[in-house]
Amino acid sequence: MKCFANRVTTSLLNIPSSAPVAVTTNGTAYRVLPEGQDRLMDDTQDYRFVTNMDFAGGASTPTAQIIIQGSVDNVNWMDLAPGTVRSAAANYREIIDAASVPMLPWIRARLVLAGGTPPNVNATVDLVSTGPFQLSTS
């Protein structure tokens, strides 16, 4: 069993319950930086994304999905690891595993909402890893 320790003080996505959204929303983009003194090779470090999403309301087949995206330039984004598409009101917790895709220099979480009337959603996404790392917005 691998030990994942949360080394992040800022969430990739943080939509509070006091201000749910009904539109597709991008989280903050972060550059993933290695911890210089950890002696852990970057290609052996595993990352997971811990998500929590509250889905309510909507009409005409509303859906919500959290997608982890990556970029090499912080401009052009591609989907790296999709979460499960949700279609019913509930609280969903999920760990999105990005082990089968390479981590790009920039990452962000994206909340994708759809339907005739999209649902109201609040959500958080945290990055956890088997080793230390840093996140930077520049």
C-alpha atoms as a PDB file:
ATOM      1  CA  MET A   1       0.000   0.000   0.000  1.00  0.00           C
ATOM      2  CA  LYS A   2       1.322   3.420  -0.962  1.00  0.00           C
ATOM      3  CA  CYS A   3       1.044   6.293   1.469  1.00  0.00           C
ATOM      4  CA  PHE A   4      -0.409   9.483  -0.002  1.00  0.00           C
ATOM      5  CA  ALA A   5       0.276  12.568   2.074  1.00  0.00           C
ATOM      6  CA  ASN A   6      -1.517  15.818   1.366  1.00  0.00           C
ATOM      7  CA  ARG A   7       1.173  18.440   0.838  1.00  0.00           C
ATOM      8  CA  VAL A   8      -1.118  21.062  -0.623  1.00  0.00           C
ATOM      9  CA  THR A   9      -2.405  24.107   1.212  1.00  0.00           C
ATOM     10  CA  THR A  10      -4.585  25.280  -1.689  1.00  0.00           C
ATOM     11  CA  SER A  11      -7.245  23.269  -3.471  1.00  0.00           C
ATOM     12  CA  LEU A  12      -7.200  22.960  -7.259  1.00  0.00           C
ATOM     13  CA  LEU A  13     -10.919  23.733  -7.161  1.00  0.00           C
ATOM     14  CA  ASN A  14     -12.884  25.210  -4.288  1.00  0.00           C
ATOM     15  CA  ILE A  15     -16.534  26.091  -4.861  1.00  0.00           C
ATOM     16  CA  PRO A  16     -18.048  26.620  -1.390  1.00  0.00           C
ATOM     17  CA  SER A  17     -21.486  25.404  -0.369  1.00  0.00           C
ATOM     18  CA  SER A  18     -22.460  29.026   0.273  1.00  0.00           C
ATOM     19  CA  ALA A  19     -21.916  29.871  -3.417  1.00  0.00           C
ATOM     20  CA  PRO A  20     -22.734  26.866  -5.661  1.00  0.00           C
ATOM     21  CA  VAL A  21     -22.384  27.300  -9.429  1.00  0.00           C
ATOM     22  CA  ALA A  22     -24.658  26.298 -12.319  1.00  0.00           C
ATOM     23  CA  VAL A  23     -22.072  26.840 -15.088  1.00  0.00           C
ATOM     24  CA  THR A  24     -18.921  25.009 -16.156  1.00  0.00           C
ATOM     25  CA  THR A  25     -16.070  26.313 -13.995  1.00  0.00           C
ATOM     26  CA  ASN A  26     -12.268  26.067 -14.189  1.00  0.00           C
ATOM     27  CA  GLY A  27     -10.230  25.887 -11.007  1.00  0.00           C
ATOM     28  CA  THR A  28      -6.980  27.755 -10.492  1.00  0.00           C
ATOM     29  CA  ALA A  29      -4.123  26.658 -12.743  1.00  0.00           C
ATOM     30  CA  TYR A  30      -1.015  25.538 -10.873  1.00  0.00           C
ATOM     31  CA  ARG A  31       2.491  24.625 -11.939  1.00  0.00           C
ATOM     32  CA  VAL A  32       3.612  21.431 -10.193  1.00  0.00           C
ATOM     33  CA  LEU A  33       7.139  21.844  -8.859  1.00  0.00           C
ATOM     34  CA  PRO A  34       9.317  19.101  -7.354  1.00  0.00           C
ATOM     35  CA  GLU A  35      10.623  19.360  -3.836  1.00  0.00           C
ATOM     36  CA  GLY A  36      14.363  19.712  -4.343  1.00  0.00           C
ATOM     37  CA  GLN A  37      15.535  17.800  -1.287  1.00  0.00           C
ATOM     38  CA  ASP A  38      13.233  14.766  -1.407  1.00  0.00           C
ATOM     39  CA  ARG A  39      15.538  12.503  -3.494  1.00  0.00           C
ATOM     40  CA  LEU A  40      12.437  11.035  -5.145  1.00  0.00           C
ATOM     41  CA  MET A  41      12.549  10.694  -8.918  1.00  0.00           C
ATOM     42  CA  ASP A  42       9.667  12.617 -10.489  1.00  0.00           C
ATOM     43  CA  ASP A  43       8.647   9.661 -12.668  1.00  0.00           C
ATOM     44  CA  THR A  44       8.116   7.460  -9.596  1.00  0.00           C
ATOM     45  CA  GLN A  45       5.938   9.946  -7.726  1.00  0.00           C
ATOM     46  CA  ASP A  46       2.219   9.102  -7.879  1.00  0.00           C
ATOM     47  CA  TYR A  47      -0.578  11.669  -7.748  1.00  0.00           C
ATOM     48  CA  ARG A  48      -4.274  11.339  -6.965  1.00  0.00           C
ATOM     49  CA  PHE A  49      -7.055  13.913  -6.940  1.00  0.00           C
ATOM     50  CA  VAL A  50      -9.484  13.759  -4.024  1.00  0.00           C
ATOM     51  CA  THR A  51     -12.860  15.226  -4.971  1.00  0.00           C
ATOM     52  CA  ASN A  52     -16.025  16.092  -3.106  1.00  0.00           C
ATOM     53  CA  MET A  53     -19.072  17.293  -5.071  1.00  0.00           C
ATOM     54  CA  ASP A  54     -22.598  18.226  -3.953  1.00  0.00           C
ATOM     55  CA  PHE A  55     -25.092  18.016  -6.832  1.00  0.00           C
ATOM     56  CA  ALA A  56     -28.592  19.507  -6.498  1.00  0.00           C
ATOM     57  CA  GLY A  57     -31.408  20.605  -8.784  1.00  0.00           C
ATOM     58  CA  GLY A  58     -31.323  20.953 -12.529  1.00  0.00           C
ATOM     59  CA  ALA A  59     -33.770  19.656 -15.115  1.00  0.00           C
ATOM     60  CA  SER A  60     -33.827  17.846 -18.468  1.00  0.00           C
ATOM     61  CA  THR A  61     -31.032  15.351 -17.701  1.00  0.00           C
ATOM     62  CA  PRO A  62     -28.615  17.515 -15.683  1.00  0.00           C
ATOM     63  CA  THR A  63     -25.072  16.167 -15.296  1.00  0.00           C
ATOM     64  CA  ALA A  64     -21.896  17.125 -13.460  1.00  0.00           C
ATOM     65  CA  GLN A  65     -18.345  15.851 -13.895  1.00  0.00           C
ATOM     66  CA  ILE A  66     -14.931  16.810 -12.526  1.00  0.00           C
ATOM     67  CA  ILE A  67     -12.103  16.540 -15.041  1.00  0.00           C
ATOM     68  CA  ILE A  68      -8.391  16.939 -14.328  1.00  0.00           C
ATOM     69  CA  GLN A  69      -6.678  18.887 -17.085  1.00  0.00           C
ATOM     70  CA  GLY A  70      -3.040  19.463 -17.953  1.00  0.00           C
ATOM     71  CA  SER A  71      -1.105  21.975 -20.029  1.00  0.00           C
ATOM     72  CA  VAL A  72       2.471  22.522 -21.131  1.00  0.00           C
ATOM     73  CA  ASP A  73       2.027  26.306 -21.498  1.00  0.00           C
ATOM     74  CA  ASN A  74      -0.877  27.320 -19.186  1.00  0.00           C
ATOM     75  CA  VAL A  75      -2.843  28.322 -22.316  1.00  0.00           C
ATOM     76  CA  ASN A  76      -3.822  25.155 -24.196  1.00  0.00           C
ATOM     77  CA  TRP A  77      -5.513  22.581 -21.947  1.00  0.00           C
ATOM     78  CA  MET A  78      -6.234  18.888 -22.474  1.00  0.00           C
ATOM     79  CA  ASP A  79      -8.241  16.417 -20.424  1.00  0.00           C
ATOM     80  CA  LEU A  80      -5.970  14.017 -18.517  1.00  0.00           C
ATOM     81  CA  ALA A  81      -8.197  12.156 -16.081  1.00  0.00           C
ATOM     82  CA  PRO A  82     -11.998  12.315 -16.050  1.00  0.00           C
ATOM     83  CA  GLY A  83     -14.123  11.697 -12.988  1.00  0.00           C
ATOM     84  CA  THR A  84     -17.448   9.885 -13.143  1.00  0.00           C
ATOM     85  CA  VAL A  85     -20.349  11.681 -14.853  1.00  0.00           C
ATOM     86  CA  ARG A  86     -23.033  12.222 -12.183  1.00  0.00           C
ATOM     87  CA  SER A  87     -26.721  12.584 -13.060  1.00  0.00           C
ATOM     88  CA  ALA A  88     -28.621  12.535  -9.762  1.00  0.00           C
ATOM     89  CA  ALA A  89     -28.744  14.833  -6.753  1.00  0.00           C
ATOM     90  CA  ALA A  90     -26.384  13.603  -4.030  1.00  0.00           C
ATOM     91  CA  ASN A  91     -22.996  14.112  -2.417  1.00  0.00           C
ATOM     92  CA  TYR A  92     -20.229  12.357  -4.337  1.00  0.00           C
ATOM     93  CA  ARG A  93     -16.715  11.649  -3.140  1.00  0.00           C
ATOM     94  CA  GLU A  94     -14.252  10.225  -5.610  1.00  0.00           C
ATOM     95  CA  ILE A  95     -10.537   9.690  -6.012  1.00  0.00           C
ATOM     96  CA  ILE A  96      -9.453  10.386  -9.567  1.00  0.00           C
ATOM     97  CA  ASP A  97      -6.358   8.375 -10.428  1.00  0.00           C
ATOM     98  CA  ALA A  98      -4.027   9.913 -12.981  1.00  0.00           C
ATOM     99  CA  ALA A  99      -1.440   7.112 -12.746  1.00  0.00           C
ATOM    100  CA  SER A 100      -1.837   6.037 -16.372  1.00  0.00           C
ATOM    101  CA  VAL A 101      -1.158   9.519 -17.810  1.00  0.00           C
ATOM    102  CA  PRO A 102       1.935  11.679 -17.456  1.00  0.00           C
ATOM    103  CA  MET A 103       1.650  14.734 -15.235  1.00  0.00           C
ATOM    104  CA  LEU A 104       2.081  17.888 -17.306  1.00  0.00           C
ATOM    105  CA  PRO A 105       3.814  21.012 -15.938  1.00  0.00           C
ATOM    106  CA  TRP A 106       0.477  22.791 -15.377  1.00  0.00           C
ATOM    107  CA  ILE A 107      -2.679  21.262 -13.867  1.00  0.00           C
ATOM    108  CA  ARG A 108      -6.173  22.387 -12.991  1.00  0.00           C
ATOM    109  CA  ALA A 109      -9.541  20.899 -12.137  1.00  0.00           C
ATOM    110  CA  ARG A 110     -12.568  21.626 -14.326  1.00  0.00           C
ATOM    111  CA  LEU A 111     -16.191  21.203 -13.280  1.00  0.00           C
ATOM    112  CA  VAL A 112     -18.328  20.476 -16.357  1.00  0.00           C
ATOM    113  CA  LEU A 113     -22.096  20.970 -16.015  1.00  0.00           C
ATOM    114  CA  ALA A 114     -24.719  20.131 -18.629  1.00  0.00           C
ATOM    115  CA  GLY A 115     -28.435  19.539 -19.129  1.00  0.00           C
ATOM    116  CA  GLY A 116     -31.462  21.570 -20.128  1.00  0.00           C
ATOM    117  CA  THR A 117     -31.083  23.315 -16.768  1.00  0.00           C
ATOM    118  CA  PRO A 118     -27.678  22.472 -15.250  1.00  0.00           C
ATOM    119  CA  PRO A 119     -27.546  21.494 -11.575  1.00  0.00           C
ATOM    120  CA  ASN A 120     -26.248  23.670  -8.753  1.00  0.00           C
ATOM    121  CA  VAL A 121     -22.921  22.268  -7.605  1.00  0.00           C
ATOM    122  CA  ASN A 122     -20.320  22.991  -4.964  1.00  0.00           C
ATOM    123  CA  ALA A 123     -17.091  21.037  -5.070  1.00  0.00           C
ATOM    124  CA  THR A 124     -13.501  20.731  -3.901  1.00  0.00           C
ATOM    125  CA  VAL A 125     -10.537  19.026  -5.534  1.00  0.00           C
ATOM    126  CA  ASP A 126      -7.278  18.415  -3.636  1.00  0.00           C
ATOM    127  CA  LEU A 127      -4.042  16.988  -4.995  1.00  0.00           C
ATOM    128  CA  VAL A 128      -2.299  14.310  -2.931  1.00  0.00           C
ATOM    129  CA  SER A 129       0.925  12.478  -3.682  1.00  0.00           C
ATOM    130  CA  THR A 130       3.335   9.799  -2.498  1.00  0.00           C
ATOM    131  CA  GLY A 131       6.036  12.450  -2.122  1.00  0.00           C
ATOM    132  CA  PRO A 132       6.481  16.151  -1.428  1.00  0.00           C
ATOM    133  CA  PHE A 133       5.782  18.786  -4.083  1.00  0.00           C
ATOM    134  CA  GLN A 134       4.942  22.447  -4.426  1.00  0.00           C
ATOM    135  CA  LEU A 135       2.279  24.307  -6.406  1.00  0.00           C
ATOM    136  CA  SER A 136       2.857  27.725  -7.939  1.00  0.00           C
ATOM    137  CA  THR A 137       0.565  30.038  -9.903  1.00  0.00           C
ATOM    138  CA  SER A 138       3.500  31.483 -11.855  1.00  0.00           C
END
